[in-house]
């Protein structure tokens, strides 16, 4: 399992991190487009079905990152936490997974105010996902 994680899975996760970052930027662009439409200065037909596509990505990426974390913990056990970056990565994966699979469904069902506050905090940590991208480009430093 460790060989699989350090060879194939490492590159796959790097590609997923970059793809996730690109999707987050595209989603921000789409949200700007939706705001333009609400202000009467844009055309909403440019992004047909974007909301569904972004919702699908909101479940796919956390699931992939959670699977990677589970495999890392299985292969390396407590040694996984020897690196501060792995601790940060684990925190980001846990929070984004909770956001996607717990907080968002609770909030959509009319949860209490505390859940909405936790959801806002979890959404803030989404920005930290971009930090994972830096690991991908670490080898490009001069």
N, C-alpha and C. Protein backbone atom coordinates (compact mmCIF):
# COMPACT_ATOMS: atom_id res chain seq x y z
N UNK A 1 0.84 -1.19 0.00
CA UNK A 1 0.00 0.00 0.00
C UNK A 1 0.88 1.26 0.00
N UNK A 2 1.97 1.24 0.78
CA UNK A 2 2.87 2.40 0.85
C UNK A 2 3.48 2.68 -0.52
N UNK A 3 3.88 1.64 -1.25
CA UNK A 3 4.45 1.84 -2.58
C UNK A 3 3.42 2.47 -3.51
N UNK A 4 2.19 1.96 -3.46
CA UNK A 4 1.10 2.51 -4.28
C UNK A 4 0.87 3.99 -3.95
N UNK A 5 0.90 4.32 -2.66
CA UNK A 5 0.67 5.71 -2.24
C UNK A 5 1.80 6.63 -2.69
N UNK A 6 3.03 6.14 -2.62
CA UNK A 6 4.18 6.98 -2.95
C UNK A 6 4.46 7.06 -4.44
N UNK A 7 3.81 6.22 -5.23
CA UNK A 7 4.05 6.27 -6.67
C UNK A 7 2.81 6.81 -7.38
N UNK A 8 1.87 5.94 -7.68
CA UNK A 8 0.69 6.32 -8.46
C UNK A 8 -0.19 7.33 -7.73
N UNK A 9 -0.54 7.04 -6.50
CA UNK A 9 -1.52 7.85 -5.77
C UNK A 9 -1.00 9.27 -5.53
N UNK A 10 0.30 9.41 -5.31
CA UNK A 10 0.87 10.73 -5.07
C UNK A 10 0.63 11.65 -6.26
N UNK A 11 0.89 11.16 -7.45
CA UNK A 11 0.68 11.97 -8.65
C UNK A 11 -0.80 12.20 -8.92
N UNK A 12 -1.62 11.20 -8.66
CA UNK A 12 -3.06 11.35 -8.84
C UNK A 12 -3.62 12.43 -7.90
N UNK A 13 -3.19 12.41 -6.66
CA UNK A 13 -3.65 13.40 -5.69
C UNK A 13 -3.17 14.79 -6.07
N UNK A 14 -1.94 14.89 -6.56
CA UNK A 14 -1.43 16.18 -7.01
C UNK A 14 -2.29 16.75 -8.14
N UNK A 15 -2.67 15.90 -9.08
CA UNK A 15 -3.54 16.34 -10.18
C UNK A 15 -4.91 16.74 -9.63
N UNK A 16 -5.42 16.00 -8.67
CA UNK A 16 -6.72 16.32 -8.07
C UNK A 16 -6.67 17.65 -7.32
N UNK A 17 -5.56 17.92 -6.64
CA UNK A 17 -5.43 19.19 -5.92
C UNK A 17 -5.44 20.36 -6.90
N UNK A 18 -4.69 20.23 -7.98
CA UNK A 18 -4.67 21.30 -8.99
C UNK A 18 -6.06 21.44 -9.62
N UNK A 19 -6.69 20.32 -9.95
CA UNK A 19 -8.04 20.36 -10.55
C UNK A 19 -9.04 20.98 -9.58
N UNK A 20 -8.94 20.65 -8.30
CA UNK A 20 -9.83 21.21 -7.30
C UNK A 20 -9.65 22.72 -7.19
N UNK A 21 -8.42 23.17 -7.26
CA UNK A 21 -8.14 24.61 -7.22
C UNK A 21 -8.74 25.31 -8.43
N UNK A 22 -8.59 24.71 -9.61
CA UNK A 22 -9.16 25.28 -10.83
C UNK A 22 -10.69 25.33 -10.73
N UNK A 23 -11.29 24.27 -10.21
CA UNK A 23 -12.75 24.23 -10.05
C UNK A 23 -13.21 25.30 -9.07
N UNK A 24 -12.44 25.49 -7.97
CA UNK A 24 -12.82 26.53 -7.01
C UNK A 24 -12.78 27.91 -7.66
N UNK A 25 -11.76 28.19 -8.48
CA UNK A 25 -11.68 29.47 -9.17
C UNK A 25 -12.82 29.61 -10.18
N UNK A 26 -13.15 28.54 -10.89
CA UNK A 26 -14.26 28.58 -11.84
C UNK A 26 -15.58 28.81 -11.12
N UNK A 27 -15.74 28.20 -9.95
CA UNK A 27 -16.97 28.40 -9.18
C UNK A 27 -17.09 29.84 -8.70
N UNK A 28 -15.97 30.43 -8.31
CA UNK A 28 -16.00 31.85 -7.92
C UNK A 28 -16.39 32.73 -9.11
N UNK A 29 -15.88 32.40 -10.27
CA UNK A 29 -16.24 33.14 -11.48
C UNK A 29 -17.73 33.00 -11.77
N UNK A 30 -18.25 31.79 -11.61
CA UNK A 30 -19.67 31.54 -11.82
C UNK A 30 -20.52 32.32 -10.81
N UNK A 31 -20.09 32.32 -9.55
CA UNK A 31 -20.84 33.07 -8.54
C UNK A 31 -20.85 34.56 -8.87
N UNK A 32 -19.75 35.06 -9.42
CA UNK A 32 -19.72 36.44 -9.89
C UNK A 32 -20.70 36.66 -11.02
N UNK A 33 -20.81 35.69 -11.91
CA UNK A 33 -21.77 35.77 -13.01
C UNK A 33 -23.20 35.78 -12.49
N UNK A 34 -23.47 34.96 -11.49
CA UNK A 34 -24.80 34.93 -10.88
C UNK A 34 -25.11 36.28 -10.23
N UNK A 35 -24.11 36.88 -9.59
CA UNK A 35 -24.30 38.21 -9.00
C UNK A 35 -24.58 39.25 -10.07
N UNK A 36 -23.88 39.14 -11.20
CA UNK A 36 -24.13 40.06 -12.32
C UNK A 36 -25.57 39.96 -12.79
N UNK A 37 -26.08 38.74 -12.90
CA UNK A 37 -27.46 38.54 -13.33
C UNK A 37 -28.43 39.15 -12.33
N UNK A 38 -28.14 38.97 -11.04
CA UNK A 38 -29.04 39.54 -10.03
C UNK A 38 -29.04 41.06 -10.05
N UNK A 39 -27.94 41.65 -10.55
CA UNK A 39 -27.87 43.11 -10.67
C UNK A 39 -28.37 43.59 -12.03
N UNK A 40 -28.69 42.65 -12.91
CA UNK A 40 -29.21 43.00 -14.22
C UNK A 40 -28.15 43.38 -15.24
N UNK A 41 -26.91 42.98 -15.01
CA UNK A 41 -25.84 43.35 -15.95
C UNK A 41 -25.18 42.15 -16.61
N UNK A 42 -25.78 40.98 -16.49
CA UNK A 42 -25.19 39.80 -17.09
C UNK A 42 -26.24 38.87 -17.68
N UNK A 43 -25.76 37.82 -18.34
CA UNK A 43 -26.62 36.83 -18.96
C UNK A 43 -26.37 35.49 -18.29
N UNK A 44 -27.39 34.93 -17.65
CA UNK A 44 -27.23 33.69 -16.90
C UNK A 44 -27.13 32.45 -17.80
N UNK A 45 -27.50 32.57 -19.06
CA UNK A 45 -27.46 31.42 -19.96
C UNK A 45 -26.05 30.96 -20.28
N UNK A 46 -25.05 31.79 -19.97
CA UNK A 46 -23.67 31.44 -20.26
C UNK A 46 -23.18 30.25 -19.45
N UNK A 47 -23.78 30.01 -18.29
CA UNK A 47 -23.32 28.96 -17.38
C UNK A 47 -24.46 27.96 -17.11
N UNK A 48 -25.02 27.39 -18.11
CA UNK A 48 -26.14 26.47 -17.89
C UNK A 48 -25.66 25.22 -17.15
N UNK A 49 -26.42 24.79 -16.19
CA UNK A 49 -26.16 23.60 -15.36
C UNK A 49 -24.89 23.70 -14.53
N UNK A 50 -24.32 24.87 -14.37
CA UNK A 50 -23.09 25.02 -13.59
C UNK A 50 -23.31 24.65 -12.13
N UNK A 51 -24.49 24.99 -11.59
CA UNK A 51 -24.74 24.68 -10.18
C UNK A 51 -24.69 23.19 -9.91
N UNK A 52 -25.22 22.39 -10.81
CA UNK A 52 -25.19 20.93 -10.65
C UNK A 52 -23.77 20.40 -10.78
N UNK A 53 -23.05 20.92 -11.73
CA UNK A 53 -21.67 20.46 -11.95
C UNK A 53 -20.80 20.79 -10.74
N UNK A 54 -20.93 21.99 -10.20
CA UNK A 54 -20.14 22.36 -9.04
C UNK A 54 -20.54 21.56 -7.81
N UNK A 55 -21.82 21.23 -7.67
CA UNK A 55 -22.25 20.38 -6.55
C UNK A 55 -21.65 18.99 -6.65
N UNK A 56 -21.56 18.45 -7.84
CA UNK A 56 -20.94 17.14 -8.03
C UNK A 56 -19.47 17.19 -7.62
N UNK A 57 -18.77 18.24 -8.06
CA UNK A 57 -17.37 18.38 -7.67
C UNK A 57 -17.21 18.56 -6.17
N UNK A 58 -18.19 19.19 -5.51
CA UNK A 58 -18.13 19.39 -4.07
C UNK A 58 -18.17 18.06 -3.31
N UNK A 59 -18.66 17.02 -3.94
CA UNK A 59 -18.65 15.69 -3.31
C UNK A 59 -17.49 14.82 -3.79
N UNK A 60 -17.10 14.98 -5.04
CA UNK A 60 -16.04 14.13 -5.60
C UNK A 60 -14.70 14.41 -4.95
N UNK A 61 -14.28 15.67 -4.90
CA UNK A 61 -12.95 15.98 -4.38
C UNK A 61 -12.80 15.62 -2.90
N UNK A 62 -13.73 15.98 -2.02
CA UNK A 62 -13.55 15.55 -0.62
C UNK A 62 -13.51 14.03 -0.47
N UNK A 63 -14.29 13.32 -1.28
CA UNK A 63 -14.26 11.86 -1.20
C UNK A 63 -12.90 11.30 -1.62
N UNK A 64 -12.32 11.86 -2.67
CA UNK A 64 -10.99 11.42 -3.12
C UNK A 64 -9.95 11.72 -2.05
N UNK A 65 -9.99 12.93 -1.48
CA UNK A 65 -9.01 13.31 -0.47
C UNK A 65 -9.19 12.51 0.81
N UNK A 66 -10.43 12.17 1.15
CA UNK A 66 -10.67 11.34 2.33
C UNK A 66 -10.15 9.92 2.11
N UNK A 67 -10.35 9.39 0.91
CA UNK A 67 -9.81 8.07 0.60
C UNK A 67 -8.29 8.08 0.69
N UNK A 68 -7.66 9.12 0.16
CA UNK A 68 -6.21 9.23 0.26
C UNK A 68 -5.76 9.29 1.72
N UNK A 69 -6.46 10.07 2.54
CA UNK A 69 -6.11 10.16 3.96
C UNK A 69 -6.26 8.81 4.64
N UNK A 70 -7.34 8.10 4.35
CA UNK A 70 -7.55 6.78 4.96
C UNK A 70 -6.43 5.82 4.57
N UNK A 71 -6.04 5.84 3.30
CA UNK A 71 -4.94 4.97 2.86
C UNK A 71 -3.62 5.37 3.50
N UNK A 72 -3.39 6.68 3.62
CA UNK A 72 -2.16 7.16 4.29
C UNK A 72 -2.11 6.69 5.73
N UNK A 73 -3.23 6.81 6.43
CA UNK A 73 -3.27 6.38 7.84
C UNK A 73 -3.11 4.87 7.96
N UNK A 74 -3.67 4.13 7.02
CA UNK A 74 -3.53 2.68 7.03
C UNK A 74 -2.08 2.27 6.78
N UNK A 75 -1.44 2.91 5.82
CA UNK A 75 -0.08 2.52 5.44
C UNK A 75 0.97 3.01 6.43
N UNK A 76 0.82 4.23 6.91
CA UNK A 76 1.89 4.82 7.72
C UNK A 76 1.54 4.97 9.19
N UNK A 77 0.31 4.70 9.54
CA UNK A 77 -0.17 4.78 10.92
C UNK A 77 0.20 6.13 11.55
N UNK A 78 0.75 6.14 12.75
CA UNK A 78 1.05 7.38 13.45
C UNK A 78 2.25 8.13 12.85
N UNK A 79 3.05 7.46 12.04
CA UNK A 79 4.17 8.13 11.39
C UNK A 79 3.68 9.21 10.43
N UNK A 80 2.45 9.07 9.99
CA UNK A 80 1.85 10.07 9.10
C UNK A 80 1.85 11.45 9.75
N UNK A 81 1.72 11.50 11.06
CA UNK A 81 1.61 12.76 11.78
C UNK A 81 2.97 13.34 12.19
N UNK A 82 4.06 12.74 11.74
CA UNK A 82 5.39 13.28 12.03
C UNK A 82 5.67 14.57 11.27
N UNK A 83 4.97 14.79 10.18
CA UNK A 83 5.15 15.98 9.37
C UNK A 83 4.06 17.00 9.71
N UNK A 84 4.47 18.24 9.90
CA UNK A 84 3.48 19.31 10.17
C UNK A 84 2.56 19.52 8.97
N UNK A 85 3.11 19.35 7.79
CA UNK A 85 2.28 19.50 6.60
C UNK A 85 1.19 18.43 6.57
N UNK A 86 1.51 17.20 6.97
CA UNK A 86 0.51 16.14 7.02
C UNK A 86 -0.58 16.45 8.04
N UNK A 87 -0.19 17.09 9.15
CA UNK A 87 -1.19 17.47 10.16
C UNK A 87 -2.12 18.52 9.58
N UNK A 88 -1.54 19.52 8.89
CA UNK A 88 -2.37 20.55 8.24
C UNK A 88 -3.27 19.92 7.18
N UNK A 89 -2.71 19.05 6.38
CA UNK A 89 -3.46 18.38 5.33
C UNK A 89 -4.60 17.56 5.91
N UNK A 90 -4.33 16.83 6.97
CA UNK A 90 -5.37 16.03 7.63
C UNK A 90 -6.49 16.92 8.15
N UNK A 91 -6.12 18.04 8.76
CA UNK A 91 -7.13 18.98 9.28
C UNK A 91 -8.00 19.51 8.15
N UNK A 92 -7.39 19.89 7.05
CA UNK A 92 -8.14 20.42 5.91
C UNK A 92 -9.07 19.35 5.34
N UNK A 93 -8.58 18.14 5.19
CA UNK A 93 -9.40 17.06 4.63
C UNK A 93 -10.58 16.75 5.54
N UNK A 94 -10.36 16.69 6.85
CA UNK A 94 -11.45 16.39 7.79
C UNK A 94 -12.49 17.49 7.76
N UNK A 95 -12.05 18.75 7.79
CA UNK A 95 -13.01 19.85 7.82
C UNK A 95 -13.80 19.94 6.51
N UNK A 96 -13.12 19.79 5.37
CA UNK A 96 -13.85 19.88 4.10
C UNK A 96 -14.78 18.69 3.91
N UNK A 97 -14.40 17.53 4.42
CA UNK A 97 -15.28 16.37 4.34
C UNK A 97 -16.51 16.58 5.21
N UNK A 98 -16.31 17.10 6.43
CA UNK A 98 -17.46 17.40 7.29
C UNK A 98 -18.36 18.45 6.64
N UNK A 99 -17.74 19.44 6.01
CA UNK A 99 -18.54 20.47 5.35
C UNK A 99 -19.40 19.87 4.24
N UNK A 100 -18.79 19.04 3.41
CA UNK A 100 -19.51 18.50 2.25
C UNK A 100 -20.58 17.49 2.65
N UNK A 101 -20.26 16.63 3.60
CA UNK A 101 -21.16 15.50 3.88
C UNK A 101 -22.00 15.64 5.14
N UNK A 102 -21.68 16.62 6.01
CA UNK A 102 -22.44 16.76 7.26
C UNK A 102 -23.07 18.15 7.36
N UNK A 103 -22.21 19.20 7.36
CA UNK A 103 -22.72 20.54 7.61
C UNK A 103 -23.66 21.04 6.53
N UNK A 104 -23.30 20.88 5.28
CA UNK A 104 -24.14 21.38 4.20
C UNK A 104 -25.51 20.69 4.19
N UNK A 105 -25.58 19.35 4.29
CA UNK A 105 -26.92 18.73 4.36
C UNK A 105 -27.73 19.18 5.58
N UNK A 106 -27.05 19.36 6.73
CA UNK A 106 -27.77 19.83 7.91
C UNK A 106 -28.30 21.24 7.71
N UNK A 107 -27.48 22.09 7.12
CA UNK A 107 -27.90 23.48 6.91
C UNK A 107 -29.06 23.56 5.92
N UNK A 108 -29.06 22.69 4.91
CA UNK A 108 -30.15 22.73 3.93
C UNK A 108 -31.46 22.21 4.50
N UNK A 109 -31.39 21.44 5.58
CA UNK A 109 -32.60 20.93 6.21
C UNK A 109 -33.10 21.86 7.32
N UNK A 110 -32.51 23.05 7.41
CA UNK A 110 -32.99 24.02 8.38
C UNK A 110 -32.43 23.79 9.76
N UNK A 111 -31.13 23.50 9.86
CA UNK A 111 -30.49 23.29 11.16
C UNK A 111 -30.46 24.58 11.96
N UNK A 112 -29.94 24.48 13.16
CA UNK A 112 -29.92 25.66 14.03
C UNK A 112 -28.79 26.62 13.63
N UNK A 113 -28.74 27.76 14.30
CA UNK A 113 -27.80 28.82 13.95
C UNK A 113 -26.35 28.36 14.16
N UNK A 114 -26.09 27.56 15.16
CA UNK A 114 -24.72 27.10 15.43
C UNK A 114 -24.19 26.29 14.25
N UNK A 115 -25.03 25.52 13.61
CA UNK A 115 -24.61 24.73 12.46
C UNK A 115 -24.21 25.66 11.32
N UNK A 116 -24.97 26.74 11.13
CA UNK A 116 -24.64 27.69 10.07
C UNK A 116 -23.31 28.38 10.35
N UNK A 117 -23.04 28.66 11.62
CA UNK A 117 -21.75 29.27 11.97
C UNK A 117 -20.61 28.30 11.69
N UNK A 118 -20.81 27.03 12.02
CA UNK A 118 -19.79 26.02 11.73
C UNK A 118 -19.60 25.89 10.22
N UNK A 119 -20.68 25.99 9.48
CA UNK A 119 -20.60 25.90 8.02
C UNK A 119 -19.78 27.05 7.47
N UNK A 120 -19.98 28.26 7.99
CA UNK A 120 -19.18 29.40 7.54
C UNK A 120 -17.70 29.19 7.85
N UNK A 121 -17.40 28.64 9.02
CA UNK A 121 -16.01 28.34 9.37
C UNK A 121 -15.43 27.29 8.45
N UNK A 122 -16.22 26.26 8.13
CA UNK A 122 -15.76 25.22 7.22
C UNK A 122 -15.53 25.78 5.83
N UNK A 123 -16.36 26.68 5.39
CA UNK A 123 -16.16 27.28 4.07
C UNK A 123 -14.87 28.10 4.03
N UNK A 124 -14.51 28.71 5.16
CA UNK A 124 -13.25 29.44 5.22
C UNK A 124 -12.07 28.50 4.99
N UNK A 125 -12.16 27.30 5.53
CA UNK A 125 -11.05 26.36 5.37
C UNK A 125 -10.94 25.85 3.93
N UNK A 126 -11.98 26.03 3.13
CA UNK A 126 -11.87 25.65 1.72
C UNK A 126 -10.74 26.40 1.05
N UNK A 127 -10.54 27.62 1.49
CA UNK A 127 -9.45 28.41 0.91
C UNK A 127 -8.10 27.76 1.21
N UNK A 128 -8.02 27.03 2.29
CA UNK A 128 -6.76 26.37 2.64
C UNK A 128 -6.45 25.21 1.70
N UNK A 129 -7.46 24.72 0.98
CA UNK A 129 -7.20 23.65 0.03
C UNK A 129 -6.18 24.07 -1.01
N UNK A 130 -6.19 25.33 -1.33
CA UNK A 130 -5.23 25.83 -2.32
C UNK A 130 -3.80 25.68 -1.81
N UNK A 131 -3.63 25.66 -0.49
CA UNK A 131 -2.30 25.48 0.09
C UNK A 131 -1.73 24.13 -0.33
N UNK A 132 -2.59 23.15 -0.50
CA UNK A 132 -2.13 21.83 -0.94
C UNK A 132 -1.47 21.89 -2.31
N UNK A 133 -1.85 22.88 -3.11
CA UNK A 133 -1.28 23.03 -4.43
C UNK A 133 0.22 23.30 -4.35
N UNK A 134 0.63 24.01 -3.32
CA UNK A 134 2.05 24.34 -3.19
C UNK A 134 2.91 23.09 -3.08
N UNK A 135 2.38 22.03 -2.49
CA UNK A 135 3.12 20.77 -2.39
C UNK A 135 3.40 20.21 -3.78
N UNK A 136 2.46 20.38 -4.68
CA UNK A 136 2.61 19.89 -6.04
C UNK A 136 3.75 20.59 -6.76
N UNK A 137 3.87 21.89 -6.55
CA UNK A 137 4.88 22.65 -7.27
C UNK A 137 6.19 22.80 -6.51
N UNK A 138 6.32 22.10 -5.41
CA UNK A 138 7.54 22.19 -4.59
C UNK A 138 8.79 21.83 -5.36
N UNK A 139 8.69 20.85 -6.25
CA UNK A 139 9.83 20.40 -7.03
C UNK A 139 10.26 21.38 -8.11
N UNK A 140 9.47 22.40 -8.38
CA UNK A 140 9.78 23.37 -9.41
C UNK A 140 10.62 24.54 -8.91
N UNK A 141 10.88 24.57 -7.60
CA UNK A 141 11.67 25.66 -7.05
C UNK A 141 13.08 25.65 -7.59
N UNK A 142 13.63 26.83 -7.77
CA UNK A 142 14.99 26.97 -8.30
C UNK A 142 15.95 27.23 -7.17
